[in-house]
Every structure is written in C-alpha cells, then in structure tokens.
Amino acid sequence: MLVCPKRHVEYYEDLTPEEKVSVEELRSKLQTALEKVFGAQGFNFAWNHREAGGQAVPHFHLHIVPRREGDTGIYQYDPRVFLYRPGSRAQSPDEELVEVVDLLKTVL
C-alpha cells in the first residue's frame, strides 16, 4: 500500500507540518485496518530518499507492507528485497484489488 500526498513534493522534508500529521494519521488508520482485515502481525514502513537512497520516483510516498510471521526477507534491509517479491510475478487482477479496497473500507 502507498500513502501519497496530493500536493507534489519530492521529499518528506518538503511536506508542511500539517501534511506530515495527515500522513501519520492515515498510516495509523491503515495499519489498524490491515491488522483487522488481514491479521497483519507486523509492518514495514519505508520511503526511499534521494537517488543514493534508491528513490526512483520524484514524489514522496510511504510504503506500508503488512507482514506475518514466516514472511521471507523481513530482516533484510534492502527495500527491493523486503518490499517486493523478487523475480516475475502475476499481476493482481483488478477484481482482487477492488475486493481488498472494499474490505479495508469496512473497518476505516
């Protein structure tokens, strides 16, 4: 899941104090929703900062990755390893994504 501010900013530090509070409030709500709907037991929260930090998209966005015991890669630092499954994978069907959104809406 991604949290992206509506206003374009490249870095977290470019957000206003109010926007930072909004990002945190939404992160907290989504964390609770993911715990209720999917039984998440832990989370990875991450953003990449500047090119040397792996930032490829010039718009601040926060990754929220729900985790459960037994997930692989959770102890590795490289976001490309713990945020994304390596190798090719099937694209999630739109119907599945709509179902996930609907489930989360029931607890938000």
PDB file of N, CA and C in Angstrom:
ATOM      1  N   MET A   1       0.852  -1.158   0.000  1.00  0.00           N
ATOM      2  CA  MET A   1       0.000   0.000   0.000  1.00  0.00           C
ATOM      3  C   MET A   1       0.902   1.226   0.000  1.00  0.00           C
ATOM      4  N   LEU A   2       0.467   2.277  -0.686  1.00  0.00           N
ATOM      5  CA  LEU A   2       1.217   3.520  -0.712  1.00  0.00           C
ATOM      6  C   LEU A   2       0.367   4.653  -0.160  1.00  0.00           C
ATOM      7  N   VAL A   3       1.005   5.527   0.610  1.00  0.00           N
ATOM      8  CA  VAL A   3       0.395   6.769   1.052  1.00  0.00           C
ATOM      9  C   VAL A   3       1.118   7.880   0.302  1.00  0.00           C
ATOM     10  N   CYS A   4       0.371   8.620  -0.502  1.00  0.00           N
ATOM     11  CA  CYS A   4       0.954   9.689  -1.320  1.00  0.00           C
ATOM     12  C   CYS A   4       0.211  10.994  -1.052  1.00  0.00           C
ATOM     13  N   PRO A   5       0.938  12.055  -0.752  1.00  0.00           N
ATOM     14  CA  PRO A   5       0.248  13.336  -0.590  1.00  0.00           C
ATOM     15  C   PRO A   5      -0.288  13.829  -1.930  1.00  0.00           C
ATOM     16  N   LYS A   6      -1.409  14.552  -1.889  1.00  0.00           N
ATOM     17  CA  LYS A   6      -1.982  15.093  -3.122  1.00  0.00           C
ATOM     18  C   LYS A   6      -1.064  16.149  -3.726  1.00  0.00           C
ATOM     19  N   ARG A   7      -0.495  16.985  -2.872  1.00  0.00           N
ATOM     20  CA  ARG A   7       0.400  18.031  -3.351  1.00  0.00           C
ATOM     21  C   ARG A   7       1.737  17.402  -3.706  1.00  0.00           C
ATOM     22  N   HIS A   8       2.284  17.769  -4.852  1.00  0.00           N
ATOM     23  CA  HIS A   8       3.563  17.197  -5.266  1.00  0.00           C
ATOM     24  C   HIS A   8       4.697  17.768  -4.422  1.00  0.00           C
ATOM     25  N   VAL A   9       5.395  16.859  -3.764  1.00  0.00           N
ATOM     26  CA  VAL A   9       6.654  17.190  -3.090  1.00  0.00           C
ATOM     27  C   VAL A   9       7.600  16.034  -3.363  1.00  0.00           C
ATOM     28  N   GLU A  10       8.858  16.361  -3.500  1.00  0.00           N
ATOM     29  CA  GLU A  10       9.824  15.315  -3.807  1.00  0.00           C
ATOM     30  C   GLU A  10      10.270  14.570  -2.554  1.00  0.00           C
ATOM     31  N   TYR A  11      10.387  15.286  -1.441  1.00  0.00           N
ATOM     32  CA  TYR A  11      10.936  14.687  -0.223  1.00  0.00           C
ATOM     33  C   TYR A  11      10.004  14.906   0.960  1.00  0.00           C
ATOM     34  N   TYR A  12      10.113  14.017   1.929  1.00  0.00           N
ATOM     35  CA  TYR A  12       9.329  14.131   3.173  1.00  0.00           C
ATOM     36  C   TYR A  12       9.515  15.505   3.802  1.00  0.00           C
ATOM     37  N   GLU A  13      10.735  16.000   3.801  1.00  0.00           N
ATOM     38  CA  GLU A  13      11.025  17.301   4.431  1.00  0.00           C
ATOM     39  C   GLU A  13      10.301  18.457   3.745  1.00  0.00           C
ATOM     40  N   ASP A  14       9.835  18.238   2.519  1.00  0.00           N
ATOM     41  CA  ASP A  14       9.112  19.279   1.792  1.00  0.00           C
ATOM     42  C   ASP A  14       7.647  19.375   2.204  1.00  0.00           C
ATOM     43  N   LEU A  15       7.165  18.396   2.945  1.00  0.00           N
ATOM     44  CA  LEU A  15       5.780  18.433   3.424  1.00  0.00           C
ATOM     45  C   LEU A  15       5.627  19.521   4.485  1.00  0.00           C
ATOM     46  N   THR A  16       4.435  20.099   4.551  1.00  0.00           N
ATOM     47  CA  THR A  16       4.141  21.046   5.633  1.00  0.00           C
ATOM     48  C   THR A  16       3.941  20.245   6.921  1.00  0.00           C
ATOM     49  N   PRO A  17       4.026  20.895   8.071  1.00  0.00           N
ATOM     50  CA  PRO A  17       3.738  20.164   9.317  1.00  0.00           C
ATOM     51  C   PRO A  17       2.351  19.515   9.298  1.00  0.00           C
ATOM     52  N   GLU A  18       1.376  20.193   8.719  1.00  0.00           N
ATOM     53  CA  GLU A  18       0.024  19.643   8.661  1.00  0.00           C
ATOM     54  C   GLU A  18      -0.020  18.402   7.768  1.00  0.00           C
ATOM     55  N   GLU A  19       0.703  18.433   6.653  1.00  0.00           N
ATOM     56  CA  GLU A  19       0.744  17.274   5.763  1.00  0.00           C
ATOM     57  C   GLU A  19       1.436  16.088   6.435  1.00  0.00           C
ATOM     58  N   LYS A  20       2.474  16.363   7.201  1.00  0.00           N
ATOM     59  CA  LYS A  20       3.156  15.279   7.926  1.00  0.00           C
ATOM     60  C   LYS A  20       2.207  14.624   8.922  1.00  0.00           C
ATOM     61  N   VAL A  21       1.423  15.433   9.604  1.00  0.00           N
ATOM     62  CA  VAL A  21       0.432  14.895  10.550  1.00  0.00           C
ATOM     63  C   VAL A  21      -0.596  14.059   9.795  1.00  0.00           C
ATOM     64  N   SER A  22      -1.047  14.534   8.641  1.00  0.00           N
ATOM     65  CA  SER A  22      -2.027  13.788   7.842  1.00  0.00           C
ATOM     66  C   SER A  22      -1.474  12.450   7.380  1.00  0.00           C
ATOM     67  N   VAL A  23      -0.224  12.433   6.941  1.00  0.00           N
ATOM     68  CA  VAL A  23       0.412  11.186   6.518  1.00  0.00           C
ATOM     69  C   VAL A  23       0.451  10.207   7.686  1.00  0.00           C
ATOM     70  N   GLU A  24       0.842  10.695   8.851  1.00  0.00           N
ATOM     71  CA  GLU A  24       0.928   9.822  10.023  1.00  0.00           C
ATOM     72  C   GLU A  24      -0.448   9.322  10.458  1.00  0.00           C
ATOM     73  N   GLU A  25      -1.449  10.186  10.437  1.00  0.00           N
ATOM     74  CA  GLU A  25      -2.803   9.758  10.815  1.00  0.00           C
ATOM     75  C   GLU A  25      -3.322   8.686   9.856  1.00  0.00           C
ATOM     76  N   LEU A  26      -3.087   8.872   8.560  1.00  0.00           N
ATOM     77  CA  LEU A  26      -3.532   7.887   7.585  1.00  0.00           C
ATOM     78  C   LEU A  26      -2.751   6.588   7.743  1.00  0.00           C
ATOM     79  N   ARG A  27      -1.449   6.676   7.987  1.00  0.00           N
ATOM     80  CA  ARG A  27      -0.631   5.480   8.215  1.00  0.00           C
ATOM     81  C   ARG A  27      -1.189   4.681   9.378  1.00  0.00           C
ATOM     82  N   SER A  28      -1.522   5.357  10.453  1.00  0.00           N
ATOM     83  CA  SER A  28      -2.048   4.695  11.640  1.00  0.00           C
ATOM     84  C   SER A  28      -3.403   4.029  11.359  1.00  0.00           C
ATOM     85  N   LYS A  29      -4.289   4.721  10.663  1.00  0.00           N
ATOM     86  CA  LYS A  29      -5.600   4.156  10.323  1.00  0.00           C
ATOM     87  C   LYS A  29      -5.448   2.923   9.426  1.00  0.00           C
ATOM     88  N   LEU A  30      -4.559   3.033   8.454  1.00  0.00           N
ATOM     89  CA  LEU A  30      -4.364   1.911   7.536  1.00  0.00           C
ATOM     90  C   LEU A  30      -3.724   0.725   8.245  1.00  0.00           C
ATOM     91  N   GLN A  31      -2.822   0.997   9.177  1.00  0.00           N
ATOM     92  CA  GLN A  31      -2.211  -0.086   9.955  1.00  0.00           C
ATOM     93  C   GLN A  31      -3.287  -0.859  10.714  1.00  0.00           C
ATOM     94  N   THR A  32      -4.155  -0.141  11.385  1.00  0.00           N
ATOM     95  CA  THR A  32      -5.232  -0.783  12.134  1.00  0.00           C
ATOM     96  C   THR A  32      -6.150  -1.574  11.208  1.00  0.00           C
ATOM     97  N   ALA A  33      -6.484  -0.985  10.053  1.00  0.00           N
ATOM     98  CA  ALA A  33      -7.359  -1.678   9.096  1.00  0.00           C
ATOM     99  C   ALA A  33      -6.700  -2.956   8.578  1.00  0.00           C
ATOM    100  N   LEU A  34      -5.413  -2.901   8.268  1.00  0.00           N
ATOM    101  CA  LEU A  34      -4.713  -4.081   7.769  1.00  0.00           C
ATOM    102  C   LEU A  34      -4.590  -5.165   8.842  1.00  0.00           C
ATOM    103  N   GLU A  35      -4.479  -4.756  10.089  1.00  0.00           N
ATOM    104  CA  GLU A  35      -4.460  -5.739  11.186  1.00  0.00           C
ATOM    105  C   GLU A  35      -5.806  -6.442  11.287  1.00  0.00           C
ATOM    106  N   LYS A  36      -6.893  -5.668  11.220  1.00  0.00           N
ATOM    107  CA  LYS A  36      -8.238  -6.233  11.352  1.00  0.00           C
ATOM    108  C   LYS A  36      -8.610  -7.113  10.164  1.00  0.00           C
ATOM    109  N   VAL A  37      -8.357  -6.641   8.962  1.00  0.00           N
ATOM    110  CA  VAL A  37      -8.820  -7.335   7.761  1.00  0.00           C
ATOM    111  C   VAL A  37      -7.938  -8.523   7.400  1.00  0.00           C
ATOM    112  N   PHE A  38      -6.611  -8.359   7.526  1.00  0.00           N
ATOM    113  CA  PHE A  38      -5.700  -9.397   7.057  1.00  0.00           C
ATOM    114  C   PHE A  38      -4.897 -10.068   8.164  1.00  0.00           C
ATOM    115  N   GLY A  39      -5.129  -9.671   9.424  1.00  0.00           N
ATOM    116  CA  GLY A  39      -4.399 -10.288  10.517  1.00  0.00           C
ATOM    117  C   GLY A  39      -2.911  -9.971  10.499  1.00  0.00           C
ATOM    118  N   ALA A  40      -2.558  -8.792  10.007  1.00  0.00           N
ATOM    119  CA  ALA A  40      -1.143  -8.400   9.969  1.00  0.00           C
ATOM    120  C   ALA A  40      -0.573  -8.409  11.382  1.00  0.00           C
ATOM    121  N   GLN A  41       0.622  -8.968  11.525  1.00  0.00           N
ATOM    122  CA  GLN A  41       1.284  -9.074  12.823  1.00  0.00           C
ATOM    123  C   GLN A  41       2.433  -8.084  12.976  1.00  0.00           C
ATOM    124  N   GLY A  42       2.827  -7.480  11.902  1.00  0.00           N
ATOM    125  CA  GLY A  42       3.912  -6.502  11.899  1.00  0.00           C
ATOM    126  C   GLY A  42       3.877  -5.745  10.589  1.00  0.00           C
ATOM    127  N   PHE A  43       4.743  -4.753  10.461  1.00  0.00           N
ATOM    128  CA  PHE A  43       4.739  -3.904   9.274  1.00  0.00           C
ATOM    129  C   PHE A  43       6.144  -3.464   8.916  1.00  0.00           C
ATOM    130  N   ASN A  44       6.333  -3.191   7.625  1.00  0.00           N
ATOM    131  CA  ASN A  44       7.475  -2.436   7.147  1.00  0.00           C
ATOM    132  C   ASN A  44       6.900  -1.113   6.653  1.00  0.00           C
ATOM    133  N   PHE A  45       7.443  -0.013   7.162  1.00  0.00           N
ATOM    134  CA  PHE A  45       7.089   1.322   6.690  1.00  0.00           C
ATOM    135  C   PHE A  45       8.363   1.887   6.086  1.00  0.00           C
ATOM    136  N   ALA A  46       8.294   2.376   4.844  1.00  0.00           N
ATOM    137  CA  ALA A  46       9.528   2.838   4.216  1.00  0.00           C
ATOM    138  C   ALA A  46       9.264   3.856   3.126  1.00  0.00           C
ATOM    139  N   TRP A  47      10.224   4.743   2.971  1.00  0.00           N
ATOM    140  CA  TRP A  47      10.316   5.568   1.773  1.00  0.00           C
ATOM    141  C   TRP A  47      11.781   5.691   1.435  1.00  0.00           C
ATOM    142  N   ASN A  48      12.047   5.819   0.146  1.00  0.00           N
ATOM    143  CA  ASN A  48      13.419   5.994  -0.313  1.00  0.00           C
ATOM    144  C   ASN A  48      13.672   7.484  -0.455  1.00  0.00           C
ATOM    145  N   HIS A  49      14.846   7.912  -0.029  1.00  0.00           N
ATOM    146  CA  HIS A  49      15.164   9.341  -0.005  1.00  0.00           C
ATOM    147  C   HIS A  49      16.388   9.621  -0.872  1.00  0.00           C
ATOM    148  N   ARG A  50      16.180  10.362  -1.921  1.00  0.00           N
ATOM    149  CA  ARG A  50      17.202  10.755  -2.889  1.00  0.00           C
ATOM    150  C   ARG A  50      17.727   9.552  -3.668  1.00  0.00           C
ATOM    151  N   GLU A  51      18.422   9.853  -4.746  1.00  0.00           N
ATOM    152  CA  GLU A  51      18.904   8.806  -5.646  1.00  0.00           C
ATOM    153  C   GLU A  51      19.794   7.799  -4.932  1.00  0.00           C
ATOM    154  N   ALA A  52      20.691   8.285  -4.085  1.00  0.00           N
ATOM    155  CA  ALA A  52      21.596   7.377  -3.373  1.00  0.00           C
ATOM    156  C   ALA A  52      20.843   6.463  -2.416  1.00  0.00           C
ATOM    157  N   GLY A  53      19.640   6.880  -2.009  1.00  0.00           N
ATOM    158  CA  GLY A  53      18.810   6.070  -1.128  1.00  0.00           C
ATOM    159  C   GLY A  53      17.813   5.205  -1.882  1.00  0.00           C
ATOM    160  N   GLY A  54      17.917   5.185  -3.203  1.00  0.00           N
ATOM    161  CA  GLY A  54      17.047   4.328  -4.005  1.00  0.00           C
ATOM    162  C   GLY A  54      15.778   4.980  -4.498  1.00  0.00           C
ATOM    163  N   GLN A  55      15.640   6.302  -4.307  1.00  0.00           N
ATOM    164  CA  GLN A  55      14.420   6.975  -4.756  1.00  0.00           C
ATOM    165  C   GLN A  55      14.404   7.041  -6.278  1.00  0.00           C
ATOM    166  N   ALA A  56      13.416   6.415  -6.888  1.00  0.00           N
ATOM    167  CA  ALA A  56      13.295   6.393  -8.341  1.00  0.00           C
ATOM    168  C   ALA A  56      12.136   7.262  -8.818  1.00  0.00           C
ATOM    169  N   VAL A  57      11.181   7.534  -7.936  1.00  0.00           N
ATOM    170  CA  VAL A  57      10.018   8.360  -8.266  1.00  0.00           C
ATOM    171  C   VAL A  57      10.176   9.690  -7.538  1.00  0.00           C
ATOM    172  N   PRO A  58      10.175  10.815  -8.248  1.00  0.00           N
ATOM    173  CA  PRO A  58      10.413  12.105  -7.597  1.00  0.00           C
ATOM    174  C   PRO A  58       9.164  12.678  -6.922  1.00  0.00           C
ATOM    175  N   HIS A  59       8.452  11.844  -6.190  1.00  0.00           N
ATOM    176  CA  HIS A  59       7.271  12.264  -5.432  1.00  0.00           C
ATOM    177  C   HIS A  59       7.269  11.449  -4.144  1.00  0.00           C
ATOM    178  N   PHE A  60       7.273  12.139  -3.016  1.00  0.00           N
ATOM    179  CA  PHE A  60       7.282  11.420  -1.738  1.00  0.00           C
ATOM    180  C   PHE A  60       6.108  10.453  -1.671  1.00  0.00           C
ATOM    181  N   HIS A  61       6.376   9.238  -1.230  1.00  0.00           N
ATOM    182  CA  HIS A  61       5.318   8.260  -0.964  1.00  0.00           C
ATOM    183  C   HIS A  61       5.829   7.268   0.082  1.00  0.00           C
ATOM    184  N   LEU A  62       4.932   6.890   0.965  1.00  0.00           N
ATOM    185  CA  LEU A  62       5.238   5.971   2.056  1.00  0.00           C
ATOM    186  C   LEU A  62       4.713   4.588   1.709  1.00  0.00           C
ATOM    187  N   HIS A  63       5.593   3.595   1.741  1.00  0.00           N
ATOM    188  CA  HIS A  63       5.192   2.205   1.532  1.00  0.00           C
ATOM    189  C   HIS A  63       4.716   1.635   2.867  1.00  0.00           C
ATOM    190  N   ILE A  64       3.599   0.936   2.848  1.00  0.00           N
ATOM    191  CA  ILE A  64       3.106   0.217   4.024  1.00  0.00           C
ATOM    192  C   ILE A  64       2.971  -1.242   3.609  1.00  0.00           C
ATOM    193  N   VAL A  65       3.765  -2.095   4.241  1.00  0.00           N
ATOM    194  CA  VAL A  65       3.761  -3.512   3.890  1.00  0.00           C
ATOM    195  C   VAL A  65       3.356  -4.327   5.116  1.00  0.00           C
ATOM    196  N   PRO A  66       2.151  -4.907   5.100  1.00  0.00           N
ATOM    197  CA  PRO A  66       1.748  -5.754   6.227  1.00  0.00           C
ATOM    198  C   PRO A  66       2.553  -7.049   6.204  1.00  0.00           C
ATOM    199  N   ARG A  67       2.946  -7.516   7.390  1.00  0.00           N
ATOM    200  CA  ARG A  67       3.760  -8.733   7.491  1.00  0.00           C
ATOM    201  C   ARG A  67       3.132  -9.705   8.482  1.00  0.00           C
ATOM    202  N   ARG A  68       3.465 -10.970   8.288  1.00  0.00           N
ATOM    203  CA  ARG A  68       3.053 -12.029   9.205  1.00  0.00           C
ATOM    204  C   ARG A  68       4.266 -12.880   9.502  1.00  0.00           C
ATOM    205  N   GLU A  69       4.236 -13.529  10.647  1.00  0.00           N
ATOM    206  CA  GLU A  69       5.350 -14.419  10.984  1.00  0.00           C
ATOM    207  C   GLU A  69       5.553 -15.409   9.860  1.00  0.00           C
ATOM    208  N   GLY A  70       6.817 -15.650   9.537  1.00  0.00           N
ATOM    209  CA  GLY A  70       7.153 -16.576   8.483  1.00  0.00           C
ATOM    210  C   GLY A  70       7.376 -15.911   7.135  1.00  0.00           C
ATOM    211  N   ASP A  71       7.018 -14.613   7.008  1.00  0.00           N
ATOM    212  CA  ASP A  71       7.306 -13.914   5.756  1.00  0.00           C
ATOM    213  C   ASP A  71       8.808 -13.948   5.507  1.00  0.00           C
ATOM    214  N   THR A  72       9.197 -14.050   4.262  1.00  0.00           N
ATOM    215  CA  THR A  72      10.619 -14.053   3.939  1.00  0.00           C
ATOM    216  C   THR A  72      11.101 -12.634   3.698  1.00  0.00           C
ATOM    217  N   GLY A  73      12.383 -12.430   3.936  1.00  0.00           N
ATOM    218  CA  GLY A  73      13.007 -11.152   3.643  1.00  0.00           C
ATOM    219  C   GLY A  73      12.792 -10.075   4.673  1.00  0.00           C
ATOM    220  N   ILE A  74      12.048 -10.359   5.731  1.00  0.00           N
ATOM    221  CA  ILE A  74      11.695  -9.303   6.679  1.00  0.00           C
ATOM    222  C   ILE A  74      12.912  -8.714   7.395  1.00  0.00           C
ATOM    223  N   TYR A  75      13.969  -9.478   7.526  1.00  0.00           N
ATOM    224  CA  TYR A  75      15.132  -8.986   8.258  1.00  0.00           C
ATOM    225  C   TYR A  75      16.192  -8.389   7.342  1.00  0.00           C
ATOM    226  N   GLN A  76      15.931  -8.392   6.041  1.00  0.00           N
ATOM    227  CA  GLN A  76      16.878  -7.795   5.119  1.00  0.00           C
ATOM    228  C   GLN A  76      16.547  -6.325   4.947  1.00  0.00           C
ATOM    229  N   TYR A  77      17.569  -5.490   4.869  1.00  0.00           N
ATOM    230  CA  TYR A  77      17.332  -4.059   4.803  1.00  0.00           C
ATOM    231  C   TYR A  77      16.907  -3.590   3.422  1.00  0.00           C
ATOM    232  N   ASP A  78      17.489  -4.134   2.377  1.00  0.00           N
ATOM    233  CA  ASP A  78      17.251  -3.631   1.027  1.00  0.00           C
ATOM    234  C   ASP A  78      15.760  -3.615   0.711  1.00  0.00           C
ATOM    235  N   PRO A  79      15.151  -2.423   0.522  1.00  0.00           N
ATOM    236  CA  PRO A  79      13.715  -2.362   0.247  1.00  0.00           C
ATOM    237  C   PRO A  79      13.300  -3.171  -0.968  1.00  0.00           C
ATOM    238  N   ARG A  80      14.174  -3.304  -1.953  1.00  0.00           N
ATOM    239  CA  ARG A  80      13.819  -4.078  -3.133  1.00  0.00           C
ATOM    240  C   ARG A  80      13.631  -5.551  -2.770  1.00  0.00           C
ATOM    241  N   VAL A  81      14.227  -5.991  -1.668  1.00  0.00           N
ATOM    242  CA  VAL A  81      14.083  -7.374  -1.225  1.00  0.00           C
ATOM    243  C   VAL A  81      12.881  -7.520  -0.309  1.00  0.00           C
ATOM    244  N   PHE A  82      12.758  -6.641   0.711  1.00  0.00           N
ATOM    245  CA  PHE A  82      11.681  -6.875   1.669  1.00  0.00           C
ATOM    246  C   PHE A  82      10.365  -6.229   1.296  1.00  0.00           C
ATOM    247  N   LEU A  83      10.351  -5.278   0.383  1.00  0.00           N
ATOM    248  CA  LEU A  83       9.080  -4.689  -0.020  1.00  0.00           C
ATOM    249  C   LEU A  83       8.470  -5.387  -1.221  1.00  0.00           C
ATOM    250  N   TYR A  84       9.294  -5.988  -2.028  1.00  0.00           N
ATOM    251  CA  TYR A  84       8.804  -6.602  -3.249  1.00  0.00           C
ATOM    252  C   TYR A  84       9.328  -8.016  -3.352  1.00  0.00           C
ATOM    253  N   ARG A  85       8.496  -8.882  -3.869  1.00  0.00           N
ATOM    254  CA  ARG A  85       8.960 -10.242  -4.117  1.00  0.00           C
ATOM    255  C   ARG A  85       9.890 -10.217  -5.317  1.00  0.00           C
ATOM    256  N   PRO A  86      11.043 -10.848  -5.207  1.00  0.00           N
ATOM    257  CA  PRO A  86      11.959 -10.850  -6.352  1.00  0.00           C
ATOM    258  C   PRO A  86      11.431 -11.712  -7.490  1.00  0.00           C
ATOM    259  N   GLY A  87      11.914 -11.440  -8.674  1.00  0.00           N
ATOM    260  CA  GLY A  87      11.515 -12.234  -9.832  1.00  0.00           C
ATOM    261  C   GLY A  87      10.184 -11.791 -10.400  1.00  0.00           C
ATOM    262  N   SER A  88       9.757 -12.482 -11.422  1.00  0.00           N
ATOM    263  CA  SER A  88       8.491 -12.117 -12.054  1.00  0.00           C
ATOM    264  C   SER A  88       7.337 -12.674 -11.226  1.00  0.00           C
ATOM    265  N   ARG A  89       6.207 -12.026 -11.343  1.00  0.00           N
ATOM    266  CA  ARG A  89       5.004 -12.487 -10.656  1.00  0.00           C
ATOM    267  C   ARG A  89       3.795 -12.028 -11.446  1.00  0.00           C
ATOM    268  N   ALA A  90       2.719 -12.728 -11.237  1.00  0.00           N
ATOM    269  CA  ALA A  90       1.491 -12.373 -11.947  1.00  0.00           C
ATOM    270  C   ALA A  90       0.958 -11.047 -11.417  1.00  0.00           C
ATOM    271  N   GLN A  91       0.376 -10.263 -12.294  1.00  0.00           N
ATOM    272  CA  GLN A  91      -0.251  -9.010 -11.884  1.00  0.00           C
ATOM    273  C   GLN A  91      -1.543  -9.334 -11.150  1.00  0.00           C
ATOM    274  N   SER A  92      -1.805  -8.625 -10.055  1.00  0.00           N
ATOM    275  CA  SER A  92      -3.042  -8.845  -9.313  1.00  0.00           C
ATOM    276  C   SER A  92      -4.227  -8.423 -10.170  1.00  0.00           C
ATOM    277  N   PRO A  93      -5.235  -9.275 -10.268  1.00  0.00           N
ATOM    278  CA  PRO A  93      -6.421  -8.906 -11.053  1.00  0.00           C
ATOM    279  C   PRO A  93      -7.126  -7.703 -10.436  1.00  0.00           C
ATOM    280  N   ASP A  94      -7.708  -6.864 -11.283  1.00  0.00           N
ATOM    281  CA  ASP A  94      -8.417  -5.678 -10.793  1.00  0.00           C
ATOM    282  C   ASP A  94      -9.504  -6.053  -9.794  1.00  0.00           C
ATOM    283  N   GLU A  95     -10.191  -7.163 -10.042  1.00  0.00           N
ATOM    284  CA  GLU A  95     -11.266  -7.583  -9.137  1.00  0.00           C
ATOM    285  C   GLU A  95     -10.723  -7.839  -7.732  1.00  0.00           C
ATOM    286  N   GLU A  96      -9.547  -8.433  -7.653  1.00  0.00           N
ATOM    287  CA  GLU A  96      -8.941  -8.702  -6.351  1.00  0.00           C
ATOM    288  C   GLU A  96      -8.587  -7.398  -5.646  1.00  0.00           C
ATOM    289  N   LEU A  97      -8.064  -6.439  -6.379  1.00  0.00           N
ATOM    290  CA  LEU A  97      -7.714  -5.157  -5.776  1.00  0.00           C
ATOM    291  C   LEU A  97      -8.948  -4.414  -5.291  1.00  0.00           C
ATOM    292  N   VAL A  98     -10.029  -4.470  -6.052  1.00  0.00           N
ATOM    293  CA  VAL A  98     -11.290  -3.843  -5.636  1.00  0.00           C
ATOM    294  C   VAL A  98     -11.799  -4.512  -4.365  1.00  0.00           C
ATOM    295  N   GLU A  99     -11.687  -5.836  -4.294  1.00  0.00           N
ATOM    296  CA  GLU A  99     -12.119  -6.571  -3.101  1.00  0.00           C
ATOM    297  C   GLU A  99     -11.317  -6.140  -1.868  1.00  0.00           C
ATOM    298  N   VAL A 100     -10.014  -5.965  -2.031  1.00  0.00           N
ATOM    299  CA  VAL A 100      -9.169  -5.521  -0.921  1.00  0.00           C
ATOM    300  C   VAL A 100      -9.600  -4.134  -0.453  1.00  0.00           C
ATOM    301  N   VAL A 101      -9.836  -3.237  -1.387  1.00  0.00           N
ATOM    302  CA  VAL A 101     -10.281  -1.878  -1.037  1.00  0.00           C
ATOM    303  C   VAL A 101     -11.605  -1.945  -0.287  1.00  0.00           C
ATOM    304  N   ASP A 102     -12.542  -2.743  -0.767  1.00  0.00           N
ATOM    305  CA  ASP A 102     -13.845  -2.862  -0.113  1.00  0.00           C
ATOM    306  C   ASP A 102     -13.706  -3.418   1.302  1.00  0.00           C
ATOM    307  N   LEU A 103     -12.843  -4.417   1.489  1.00  0.00           N
ATOM    308  CA  LEU A 103     -12.615  -4.960   2.822  1.00  0.00           C
ATOM    309  C   LEU A 103     -12.053  -3.897   3.772  1.00  0.00           C
ATOM    310  N   LEU A 104     -11.090  -3.155   3.293  1.00  0.00           N
ATOM    311  CA  LEU A 104     -10.476  -2.115   4.142  1.00  0.00           C
ATOM    312  C   LEU A 104     -11.479  -1.018   4.478  1.00  0.00           C
ATOM    313  N   LYS A 105     -12.344  -0.672   3.550  1.00  0.00           N
ATOM    314  CA  LYS A 105     -13.357   0.366   3.798  1.00  0.00           C
ATOM    315  C   LYS A 105     -14.290  -0.033   4.943  1.00  0.00           C
ATOM    316  N   THR A 106     -14.515  -1.332   5.127  1.00  0.00           N
ATOM    317  CA  THR A 106     -15.442  -1.769   6.181  1.00  0.00           C
ATOM    318  C   THR A 106     -14.892  -1.484   7.569  1.00  0.00           C
ATOM    319  N   VAL A 107     -13.592  -1.288   7.695  1.00  0.00           N
ATOM    320  CA  VAL A 107     -13.024  -1.047   9.026  1.00  0.00           C
ATOM    321  C   VAL A 107     -12.436   0.347   9.174  1.00  0.00           C
ATOM    322  N   LEU A 108     -12.492   1.141   8.137  1.00  0.00           N
ATOM    323  CA  LEU A 108     -11.977   2.522   8.225  1.00  0.00           C
ATOM    324  C   LEU A 108     -13.066   3.485   8.628  1.00  0.00           C
TER     325      LEU A 108
END
